[in-house]
Amino acid sequence: MNLVLNARDALTDMMERDPKGRKGVISVSSCLEKGLVTVRVQDNGPGIPEHARQKVFQPFFTTKPVGKGTGLGLSISYGIVREYGGSISLDCPAEGGAVFNITFPPAK
């Protein structure tokens, strides 16, 4: 849920800065790939600045303005995913937006 809310916030900020610009889109998909369950959360927002990409899963790191975020959402999400034997990664395509991939072993 945190990934979807972060995407919503990024798109809201983008559309507030340029209300006549592109419309925001969030997509959530899942599939079974190479014996692993993958959940992908993708948006077409401004993306995550390159200098911040290595820090997004660190506790208390946020790209949001003061008062808008604590910097705990992604670090907690990372911990939960890891606790269940999964992994979470970030990709920022050249055309913009952010893509988070969460991969888990399937339930037995």
Protein backbone atom coordinates (compact mmCIF):
# COMPACT_ATOMS: atom_id res chain seq x y z
CA MET A 1 0.00 0.00 0.00
CA ASN A 2 2.89 2.33 0.81
CA LEU A 3 4.19 2.09 -2.77
CA VAL A 4 0.80 3.06 -4.20
CA LEU A 5 0.46 5.99 -1.79
CA ASN A 6 3.95 7.23 -2.65
CA ALA A 7 3.10 7.03 -6.35
CA ARG A 8 -0.14 8.94 -5.73
CA ASP A 9 1.77 11.66 -3.87
CA ALA A 10 4.34 12.00 -6.67
CA LEU A 11 1.60 12.25 -9.29
CA THR A 12 -0.42 14.74 -7.23
CA ASP A 13 2.63 16.99 -6.90
CA MET A 14 3.35 16.68 -10.62
CA MET A 15 -0.22 17.58 -11.60
CA GLU A 16 -0.37 20.49 -9.15
CA ARG A 17 2.78 21.99 -10.73
CA ASP A 18 1.44 21.53 -14.27
CA PRO A 19 -2.33 20.95 -14.22
CA LYS A 20 -2.55 20.91 -18.03
CA GLY A 21 0.33 18.46 -18.39
CA ARG A 22 0.13 14.68 -18.63
CA LYS A 23 -2.31 12.73 -16.54
CA GLY A 24 -0.95 10.53 -13.79
CA VAL A 25 -1.16 6.77 -14.09
CA ILE A 26 -0.41 4.13 -11.46
CA SER A 27 -0.38 0.48 -12.43
CA VAL A 28 -0.13 -2.55 -10.18
CA SER A 29 0.51 -5.95 -11.71
CA SER A 30 1.55 -9.36 -10.53
CA CYS A 31 2.85 -12.48 -12.19
CA LEU A 32 4.76 -15.69 -11.65
CA GLU A 33 8.25 -15.35 -13.19
CA LYS A 34 11.04 -17.88 -12.88
CA GLY A 35 9.28 -19.58 -9.98
CA LEU A 36 8.86 -16.32 -8.04
CA VAL A 37 5.84 -14.11 -7.48
CA THR A 38 6.51 -10.58 -8.67
CA VAL A 39 4.37 -7.57 -7.82
CA ARG A 40 5.14 -4.42 -9.78
CA VAL A 41 3.98 -0.91 -8.84
CA GLN A 42 4.67 1.63 -11.56
CA ASP A 43 3.81 5.28 -12.11
CA ASN A 44 4.45 7.83 -14.82
CA GLY A 45 5.40 10.63 -12.43
CA PRO A 46 8.60 12.64 -12.28
CA GLY A 47 10.65 9.68 -11.05
CA ILE A 48 13.15 9.66 -8.22
CA PRO A 49 16.22 11.87 -8.55
CA GLU A 50 19.38 9.91 -9.25
CA HIS A 51 21.10 11.14 -6.07
CA ALA A 52 18.23 9.73 -3.98
CA ARG A 53 17.86 6.29 -5.55
CA GLN A 54 20.48 4.59 -3.38
CA LYS A 55 18.88 6.02 -0.23
CA VAL A 56 15.16 5.37 -0.69
CA PHE A 57 15.09 2.28 1.55
CA GLN A 58 17.07 3.92 4.37
CA PRO A 59 15.12 4.87 7.51
CA PHE A 60 14.15 8.55 7.75
CA PHE A 61 15.16 9.35 4.16
CA THR A 62 12.43 11.14 2.21
CA THR A 63 12.18 13.26 -0.90
CA LYS A 64 8.92 14.77 0.36
CA PRO A 65 8.73 18.28 1.82
CA VAL A 66 8.93 18.75 5.59
CA GLY A 67 5.66 17.69 7.18
CA LYS A 68 4.65 15.46 4.26
CA GLY A 69 6.66 12.32 4.98
CA THR A 70 8.61 10.65 7.76
CA GLY A 71 10.96 8.60 5.62
CA LEU A 72 9.79 5.38 7.25
CA GLY A 73 7.38 3.95 4.67
CA LEU A 74 9.88 2.42 2.25
CA SER A 75 12.27 1.28 4.97
CA ILE A 76 9.42 -0.52 6.77
CA SER A 77 8.19 -1.98 3.47
CA TYR A 78 11.73 -3.18 2.75
CA GLY A 79 11.91 -4.86 6.16
CA ILE A 80 8.55 -6.60 5.74
CA VAL A 81 9.43 -7.87 2.27
CA ARG A 82 12.81 -9.17 3.47
CA GLU A 83 11.21 -10.83 6.52
CA TYR A 84 9.05 -12.89 4.16
CA GLY A 85 12.05 -13.98 2.08
CA GLY A 86 11.51 -11.49 -0.71
CA SER A 87 13.31 -8.61 -2.32
CA ILE A 88 12.30 -5.15 -3.40
CA SER A 89 14.01 -3.03 -6.03
CA LEU A 90 13.61 0.32 -7.72
CA ASP A 91 13.95 1.15 -11.40
CA CYS A 92 13.62 4.62 -12.87
CA PRO A 93 13.12 4.37 -16.64
CA ALA A 94 14.69 7.04 -18.83
CA GLU A 95 11.22 8.20 -19.91
CA GLY A 96 10.31 9.00 -16.28
CA GLY A 97 8.32 7.50 -13.50
CA ALA A 98 9.29 4.91 -10.94
CA VAL A 99 8.93 1.14 -10.94
CA PHE A 100 9.11 -0.90 -7.74
CA ASN A 101 9.40 -4.67 -8.11
CA ILE A 102 8.65 -6.88 -5.14
CA THR A 103 9.60 -10.53 -5.53
CA PHE A 104 8.58 -13.37 -3.19
CA PRO A 105 8.89 -17.11 -3.21
CA PRO A 106 5.42 -18.60 -3.81
CA ALA A 107 3.44 -19.96 -0.86
CA LYS A 108 3.81 -23.68 -0.28
